[in-house]
Amino acid sequence: MYSPKYLVDTNVILARANYRNYDEIVFPIYWKNFDKLVNNGIIISTTSVSKEIKDLVKRQEVDDQILTWANNNSHMFKFPMDEKYTDETKNIKNKLPGWYRRNRKKADWDLVVFAKAYNLILVTQETPNFTKKKQKEYKIPTACKKLGAYCRCGIEVTSNIDPTQTSFQCINFVELARREKLNRIEFDM
């Protein structure tokens, strides 16, 4: 087993569903390789993401095939509650109090705290909203950038931070696919 490197948002897992951005039927090799990284412990997520998936299926906003996938990969959903996580929670709460108040009960909060505390690369399909003035309206990439992360989400790239010099990063699925070469037909681990 490898140690975790990537932490994925709900919307990344949902992207594999039928008629979504990266439909598994259209991109089967990408998802097969993604699943290998999950099984090897390189890609993880939080229990709050698992809960969001269950809630979306319950409200019939997402096909239950995603819930089946999540249940089959339940080992990937972690519940961080140690001193590192607690300390980073306090740190981020002080730096982004408005964002904390609005997001503390969402998976977004757990993801950002977990990624920052453990120096993981957060993968999300959210696009940054760097022009927003109110903290409570920040999307995940914006909150990460405000906390010093390198961000590469869509066309937005943090140019003043060298990604090889920081492990706290925020990227999208395409950047994950590029870095991990998810398009390879033969995927060796």
C-alpha atoms as a PDB file:
ATOM      1  CA  MET A   1       0.000   0.000   0.000  1.00  0.00           C
ATOM      2  CA  TYR A   2       1.084   3.510  -0.778  1.00  0.00           C
ATOM      3  CA  SER A   3       0.374   6.552   1.326  1.00  0.00           C
ATOM      4  CA  PRO A   4      -2.389   8.950   0.278  1.00  0.00           C
ATOM      5  CA  LYS A   5      -1.469  11.638  -2.206  1.00  0.00           C
ATOM      6  CA  TYR A   6      -4.854  12.849  -3.501  1.00  0.00           C
ATOM      7  CA  LEU A   7      -8.058  13.753  -1.694  1.00  0.00           C
ATOM      8  CA  VAL A   8     -11.145  13.835  -3.939  1.00  0.00           C
ATOM      9  CA  ASP A   9     -14.299  15.925  -3.714  1.00  0.00           C
ATOM     10  CA  THR A  10     -17.786  14.517  -4.240  1.00  0.00           C
ATOM     11  CA  ASN A  11     -18.032  16.067  -7.702  1.00  0.00           C
ATOM     12  CA  VAL A  12     -15.000  14.097  -8.919  1.00  0.00           C
ATOM     13  CA  ILE A  13     -16.650  10.814  -7.996  1.00  0.00           C
ATOM     14  CA  LEU A  14     -19.923  11.988  -9.551  1.00  0.00           C
ATOM     15  CA  ALA A  15     -18.112  12.896 -12.792  1.00  0.00           C
ATOM     16  CA  ARG A  16     -17.953   9.197 -13.675  1.00  0.00           C
ATOM     17  CA  ALA A  17     -21.746   8.787 -13.684  1.00  0.00           C
ATOM     18  CA  ASN A  18     -23.735   8.417 -16.899  1.00  0.00           C
ATOM     19  CA  TYR A  19     -24.159  11.677 -18.788  1.00  0.00           C
ATOM     20  CA  ARG A  20     -21.707  13.544 -16.544  1.00  0.00           C
ATOM     21  CA  ASN A  21     -18.474  15.299 -17.528  1.00  0.00           C
ATOM     22  CA  TYR A  22     -16.292  12.192 -17.610  1.00  0.00           C
ATOM     23  CA  ASP A  23     -18.894   9.463 -18.076  1.00  0.00           C
ATOM     24  CA  GLU A  24     -17.364   6.077 -17.269  1.00  0.00           C
ATOM     25  CA  ILE A  25     -18.776   4.615 -20.472  1.00  0.00           C
ATOM     26  CA  VAL A  26     -16.878   7.211 -22.525  1.00  0.00           C
ATOM     27  CA  PHE A  27     -13.687   7.213 -20.418  1.00  0.00           C
ATOM     28  CA  PRO A  28     -13.391   3.606 -19.135  1.00  0.00           C
ATOM     29  CA  ILE A  29      -9.574   3.498 -19.050  1.00  0.00           C
ATOM     30  CA  TYR A  30      -9.381   6.684 -16.972  1.00  0.00           C
ATOM     31  CA  TRP A  31     -11.748   5.270 -14.353  1.00  0.00           C
ATOM     32  CA  LYS A  32     -10.119   1.844 -14.328  1.00  0.00           C
ATOM     33  CA  ASN A  33      -6.797   3.537 -13.563  1.00  0.00           C
ATOM     34  CA  PHE A  34      -8.466   5.886 -11.054  1.00  0.00           C
ATOM     35  CA  ASP A  35      -9.898   2.838  -9.262  1.00  0.00           C
ATOM     36  CA  LYS A  36      -6.436   1.256  -9.098  1.00  0.00           C
ATOM     37  CA  LEU A  37      -5.154   4.382  -7.360  1.00  0.00           C
ATOM     38  CA  VAL A  38      -8.097   4.165  -4.930  1.00  0.00           C
ATOM     39  CA  ASN A  39      -7.376   0.491  -4.232  1.00  0.00           C
ATOM     40  CA  ASN A  40      -3.708   1.293  -3.620  1.00  0.00           C
ATOM     41  CA  GLY A  41      -4.589   4.046  -1.143  1.00  0.00           C
ATOM     42  CA  ILE A  42      -3.169   6.865  -3.279  1.00  0.00           C
ATOM     43  CA  ILE A  43      -6.596   8.443  -3.769  1.00  0.00           C
ATOM     44  CA  ILE A  44      -8.765   8.873  -0.684  1.00  0.00           C
ATOM     45  CA  SER A  45     -11.693  11.005   0.407  1.00  0.00           C
ATOM     46  CA  THR A  46     -13.572  11.854   3.584  1.00  0.00           C
ATOM     47  CA  THR A  47     -16.586  10.312   5.263  1.00  0.00           C
ATOM     48  CA  SER A  48     -18.416  13.598   4.661  1.00  0.00           C
ATOM     49  CA  VAL A  49     -18.078  12.972   0.897  1.00  0.00           C
ATOM     50  CA  SER A  50     -19.544   9.499   1.364  1.00  0.00           C
ATOM     51  CA  LYS A  51     -22.439  11.085   3.258  1.00  0.00           C
ATOM     52  CA  GLU A  52     -22.984  13.639   0.469  1.00  0.00           C
ATOM     53  CA  ILE A  53     -23.155  10.830  -2.083  1.00  0.00           C
ATOM     54  CA  LYS A  54     -25.728   8.970   0.009  1.00  0.00           C
ATOM     55  CA  ASP A  55     -27.796  12.137   0.405  1.00  0.00           C
ATOM     56  CA  LEU A  56     -27.720  12.846  -3.336  1.00  0.00           C
ATOM     57  CA  VAL A  57     -28.869   9.309  -4.146  1.00  0.00           C
ATOM     58  CA  LYS A  58     -31.577   9.523  -1.493  1.00  0.00           C
ATOM     59  CA  ARG A  59     -32.872  12.736  -3.084  1.00  0.00           C
ATOM     60  CA  GLN A  60     -32.621  10.979  -6.475  1.00  0.00           C
ATOM     61  CA  GLU A  61     -30.235  13.600  -7.823  1.00  0.00           C
ATOM     62  CA  VAL A  62     -27.653  10.946  -8.688  1.00  0.00           C
ATOM     63  CA  ASP A  63     -27.956   7.439 -10.071  1.00  0.00           C
ATOM     64  CA  ASP A  64     -27.517   4.786  -7.396  1.00  0.00           C
ATOM     65  CA  GLN A  65     -24.635   3.216  -9.378  1.00  0.00           C
ATOM     66  CA  ILE A  66     -22.452   5.875  -7.726  1.00  0.00           C
ATOM     67  CA  LEU A  67     -23.599   4.724  -4.288  1.00  0.00           C
ATOM     68  CA  THR A  68     -22.770   1.141  -5.254  1.00  0.00           C
ATOM     69  CA  TRP A  69     -19.299   2.286  -6.321  1.00  0.00           C
ATOM     70  CA  ALA A  70     -18.859   4.247  -3.055  1.00  0.00           C
ATOM     71  CA  ASN A  71     -19.980   1.265  -0.960  1.00  0.00           C
ATOM     72  CA  ASN A  72     -17.592  -1.033  -2.846  1.00  0.00           C
ATOM     73  CA  ASN A  73     -14.781   1.449  -2.154  1.00  0.00           C
ATOM     74  CA  SER A  74     -15.724   2.371   1.411  1.00  0.00           C
ATOM     75  CA  HIS A  75     -12.076   1.888   2.499  1.00  0.00           C
ATOM     76  CA  MET A  76     -11.209   5.173   0.773  1.00  0.00           C
ATOM     77  CA  PHE A  77     -13.444   7.334   2.987  1.00  0.00           C
ATOM     78  CA  LYS A  78     -11.504   8.528   6.020  1.00  0.00           C
ATOM     79  CA  PHE A  79     -12.606  10.338   9.165  1.00  0.00           C
ATOM     80  CA  PRO A  80      -9.696  12.474  10.324  1.00  0.00           C
ATOM     81  CA  MET A  81      -9.945  13.490  13.942  1.00  0.00           C
ATOM     82  CA  ASP A  82      -6.516  13.812  15.393  1.00  0.00           C
ATOM     83  CA  GLU A  83      -4.414  16.689  16.662  1.00  0.00           C
ATOM     84  CA  LYS A  84      -3.184  17.687  13.176  1.00  0.00           C
ATOM     85  CA  TYR A  85      -6.752  17.952  11.903  1.00  0.00           C
ATOM     86  CA  THR A  86      -7.907  19.836  15.015  1.00  0.00           C
ATOM     87  CA  ASP A  87      -4.998  22.293  14.838  1.00  0.00           C
ATOM     88  CA  GLU A  88      -5.598  22.956  11.136  1.00  0.00           C
ATOM     89  CA  THR A  89      -9.318  23.440  11.800  1.00  0.00           C
ATOM     90  CA  LYS A  90      -8.474  26.199  14.295  1.00  0.00           C
ATOM     91  CA  ASN A  91      -5.944  27.725  11.905  1.00  0.00           C
ATOM     92  CA  ILE A  92      -8.355  27.864   8.949  1.00  0.00           C
ATOM     93  CA  LYS A  93     -11.237  29.002  11.140  1.00  0.00           C
ATOM     94  CA  ASN A  94      -9.096  31.996  12.158  1.00  0.00           C
ATOM     95  CA  LYS A  95      -7.899  32.748   8.618  1.00  0.00           C
ATOM     96  CA  LEU A  96     -11.275  32.328   6.885  1.00  0.00           C
ATOM     97  CA  PRO A  97     -13.965  32.825   9.552  1.00  0.00           C
ATOM     98  CA  GLY A  98     -16.741  33.672   7.081  1.00  0.00           C
ATOM     99  CA  TRP A  99     -15.996  30.608   4.988  1.00  0.00           C
ATOM    100  CA  TYR A 100     -15.943  28.459   8.114  1.00  0.00           C
ATOM    101  CA  ARG A 101     -19.371  29.632   9.277  1.00  0.00           C
ATOM    102  CA  ARG A 102     -20.952  28.861   5.908  1.00  0.00           C
ATOM    103  CA  ASN A 103     -19.177  25.575   5.134  1.00  0.00           C
ATOM    104  CA  ARG A 104     -18.487  23.866   8.462  1.00  0.00           C
ATOM    105  CA  LYS A 105     -21.247  21.291   7.932  1.00  0.00           C
ATOM    106  CA  LYS A 106     -20.335  20.559   4.306  1.00  0.00           C
ATOM    107  CA  ALA A 107     -17.755  18.197   2.853  1.00  0.00           C
ATOM    108  CA  ASP A 108     -15.921  21.258   1.480  1.00  0.00           C
ATOM    109  CA  TRP A 109     -14.731  22.152   4.976  1.00  0.00           C
ATOM    110  CA  ASP A 110     -13.440  18.654   5.765  1.00  0.00           C
ATOM    111  CA  LEU A 111     -11.706  18.399   2.421  1.00  0.00           C
ATOM    112  CA  VAL A 112      -9.802  21.667   2.727  1.00  0.00           C
ATOM    113  CA  VAL A 113      -8.804  21.074   6.360  1.00  0.00           C
ATOM    114  CA  PHE A 114      -7.773  17.469   5.652  1.00  0.00           C
ATOM    115  CA  ALA A 115      -5.760  18.416   2.549  1.00  0.00           C
ATOM    116  CA  LYS A 116      -3.963  21.255   4.338  1.00  0.00           C
ATOM    117  CA  ALA A 117      -3.311  19.291   7.542  1.00  0.00           C
ATOM    118  CA  TYR A 118      -1.847  16.278   5.736  1.00  0.00           C
ATOM    119  CA  ASN A 119      -0.331  18.033   2.704  1.00  0.00           C
ATOM    120  CA  LEU A 120      -2.536  16.306   0.164  1.00  0.00           C
ATOM    121  CA  ILE A 121      -3.545  17.370  -3.307  1.00  0.00           C
ATOM    122  CA  LEU A 122      -7.237  18.192  -3.254  1.00  0.00           C
ATOM    123  CA  VAL A 123      -9.027  17.253  -6.481  1.00  0.00           C
ATOM    124  CA  THR A 124     -12.290  19.054  -7.246  1.00  0.00           C
ATOM    125  CA  GLN A 125     -14.367  19.960 -10.250  1.00  0.00           C
ATOM    126  CA  GLU A 126     -15.241  23.324  -8.716  1.00  0.00           C
ATOM    127  CA  THR A 127     -13.955  26.356 -10.535  1.00  0.00           C
ATOM    128  CA  PRO A 128     -12.350  29.163  -8.602  1.00  0.00           C
ATOM    129  CA  ASN A 129     -14.112  32.407  -7.927  1.00  0.00           C
ATOM    130  CA  PHE A 130     -11.089  34.538  -7.052  1.00  0.00           C
ATOM    131  CA  THR A 131     -12.987  37.787  -7.628  1.00  0.00           C
ATOM    132  CA  LYS A 132     -15.469  37.123  -4.795  1.00  0.00           C
ATOM    133  CA  LYS A 133     -14.920  39.518  -1.939  1.00  0.00           C
ATOM    134  CA  LYS A 134     -16.984  37.664   0.666  1.00  0.00           C
ATOM    135  CA  GLN A 135     -15.214  34.716   2.283  1.00  0.00           C
ATOM    136  CA  LYS A 136     -18.422  32.774   2.748  1.00  0.00           C
ATOM    137  CA  GLU A 137     -18.847  32.605  -1.045  1.00  0.00           C
ATOM    138  CA  TYR A 138     -15.413  31.104  -1.766  1.00  0.00           C
ATOM    139  CA  LYS A 139     -15.332  27.891  -3.765  1.00  0.00           C
ATOM    140  CA  ILE A 140     -12.831  25.193  -2.733  1.00  0.00           C
ATOM    141  CA  PRO A 141     -10.029  26.364  -5.097  1.00  0.00           C
ATOM    142  CA  THR A 142     -10.399  29.942  -3.878  1.00  0.00           C
ATOM    143  CA  ALA A 143     -10.272  28.932  -0.210  1.00  0.00           C
ATOM    144  CA  CYS A 144      -7.218  26.758  -0.930  1.00  0.00           C
ATOM    145  CA  LYS A 145      -5.436  29.581  -2.728  1.00  0.00           C
ATOM    146  CA  LYS A 146      -6.178  31.959   0.166  1.00  0.00           C
ATOM    147  CA  LEU A 147      -4.545  29.366   2.431  1.00  0.00           C
ATOM    148  CA  GLY A 148      -1.391  29.229   0.285  1.00  0.00           C
ATOM    149  CA  ALA A 149      -2.094  26.286  -2.016  1.00  0.00           C
ATOM    150  CA  TYR A 150      -0.968  25.935  -5.593  1.00  0.00           C
ATOM    151  CA  CYS A 151      -4.154  25.765  -7.686  1.00  0.00           C
ATOM    152  CA  ARG A 152      -4.721  24.389 -11.162  1.00  0.00           C
ATOM    153  CA  CYS A 153      -8.451  24.216 -11.738  1.00  0.00           C
ATOM    154  CA  GLY A 154      -9.492  24.821 -15.314  1.00  0.00           C
ATOM    155  CA  ILE A 155      -7.732  27.767 -16.881  1.00  0.00           C
ATOM    156  CA  GLU A 156      -6.932  29.269 -13.494  1.00  0.00           C
ATOM    157  CA  VAL A 157      -3.370  28.562 -12.387  1.00  0.00           C
ATOM    158  CA  THR A 158      -1.500  29.975  -9.420  1.00  0.00           C
ATOM    159  CA  SER A 159       1.606  31.186 -11.208  1.00  0.00           C
ATOM    160  CA  ASN A 160       3.511  32.505  -8.196  1.00  0.00           C
ATOM    161  CA  ILE A 161       3.733  29.096  -6.464  1.00  0.00           C
ATOM    162  CA  ASP A 162       5.904  26.270  -7.727  1.00  0.00           C
ATOM    163  CA  PRO A 163       3.875  23.031  -7.538  1.00  0.00           C
ATOM    164  CA  THR A 164       7.042  21.013  -7.023  1.00  0.00           C
ATOM    165  CA  GLN A 165       7.721  23.002  -3.849  1.00  0.00           C
ATOM    166  CA  THR A 166       4.373  22.498  -2.094  1.00  0.00           C
ATOM    167  CA  SER A 167       2.271  19.430  -1.498  1.00  0.00           C
ATOM    168  CA  PHE A 168      -0.863  21.386  -0.512  1.00  0.00           C
ATOM    169  CA  GLN A 169      -2.496  21.839  -3.900  1.00  0.00           C
ATOM    170  CA  CYS A 170      -5.924  22.052  -5.493  1.00  0.00           C
ATOM    171  CA  ILE A 171      -6.384  20.592  -8.975  1.00  0.00           C
ATOM    172  CA  ASN A 172      -9.196  19.306 -11.187  1.00  0.00           C
ATOM    173  CA  PHE A 173      -9.789  15.842 -12.646  1.00  0.00           C
ATOM    174  CA  VAL A 174      -8.060  16.685 -15.936  1.00  0.00           C
ATOM    175  CA  GLU A 175      -4.896  17.697 -14.076  1.00  0.00           C
ATOM    176  CA  LEU A 176      -5.079  14.488 -12.021  1.00  0.00           C
ATOM    177  CA  ALA A 177      -5.446  12.491 -15.254  1.00  0.00           C
ATOM    178  CA  ARG A 178      -2.442  14.309 -16.725  1.00  0.00           C
ATOM    179  CA  ARG A 179      -0.227  13.787 -13.675  1.00  0.00           C
ATOM    180  CA  GLU A 180      -1.124  10.147 -13.130  1.00  0.00           C
ATOM    181  CA  LYS A 181      -1.423   9.312 -16.836  1.00  0.00           C
ATOM    182  CA  LEU A 182      -4.909   7.878 -16.346  1.00  0.00           C
ATOM    183  CA  ASN A 183      -5.210   7.467 -20.130  1.00  0.00           C
ATOM    184  CA  ARG A 184      -2.619   4.646 -20.201  1.00  0.00           C
ATOM    185  CA  ILE A 185      -4.023   1.351 -21.322  1.00  0.00           C
ATOM    186  CA  GLU A 186      -1.459  -0.597 -19.307  1.00  0.00           C
ATOM    187  CA  PHE A 187      -1.310   0.885 -15.835  1.00  0.00           C
ATOM    188  CA  ASP A 188       1.465  -0.478 -13.627  1.00  0.00           C
ATOM    189  CA  MET A 189       1.489   0.076  -9.909  1.00  0.00           C
END
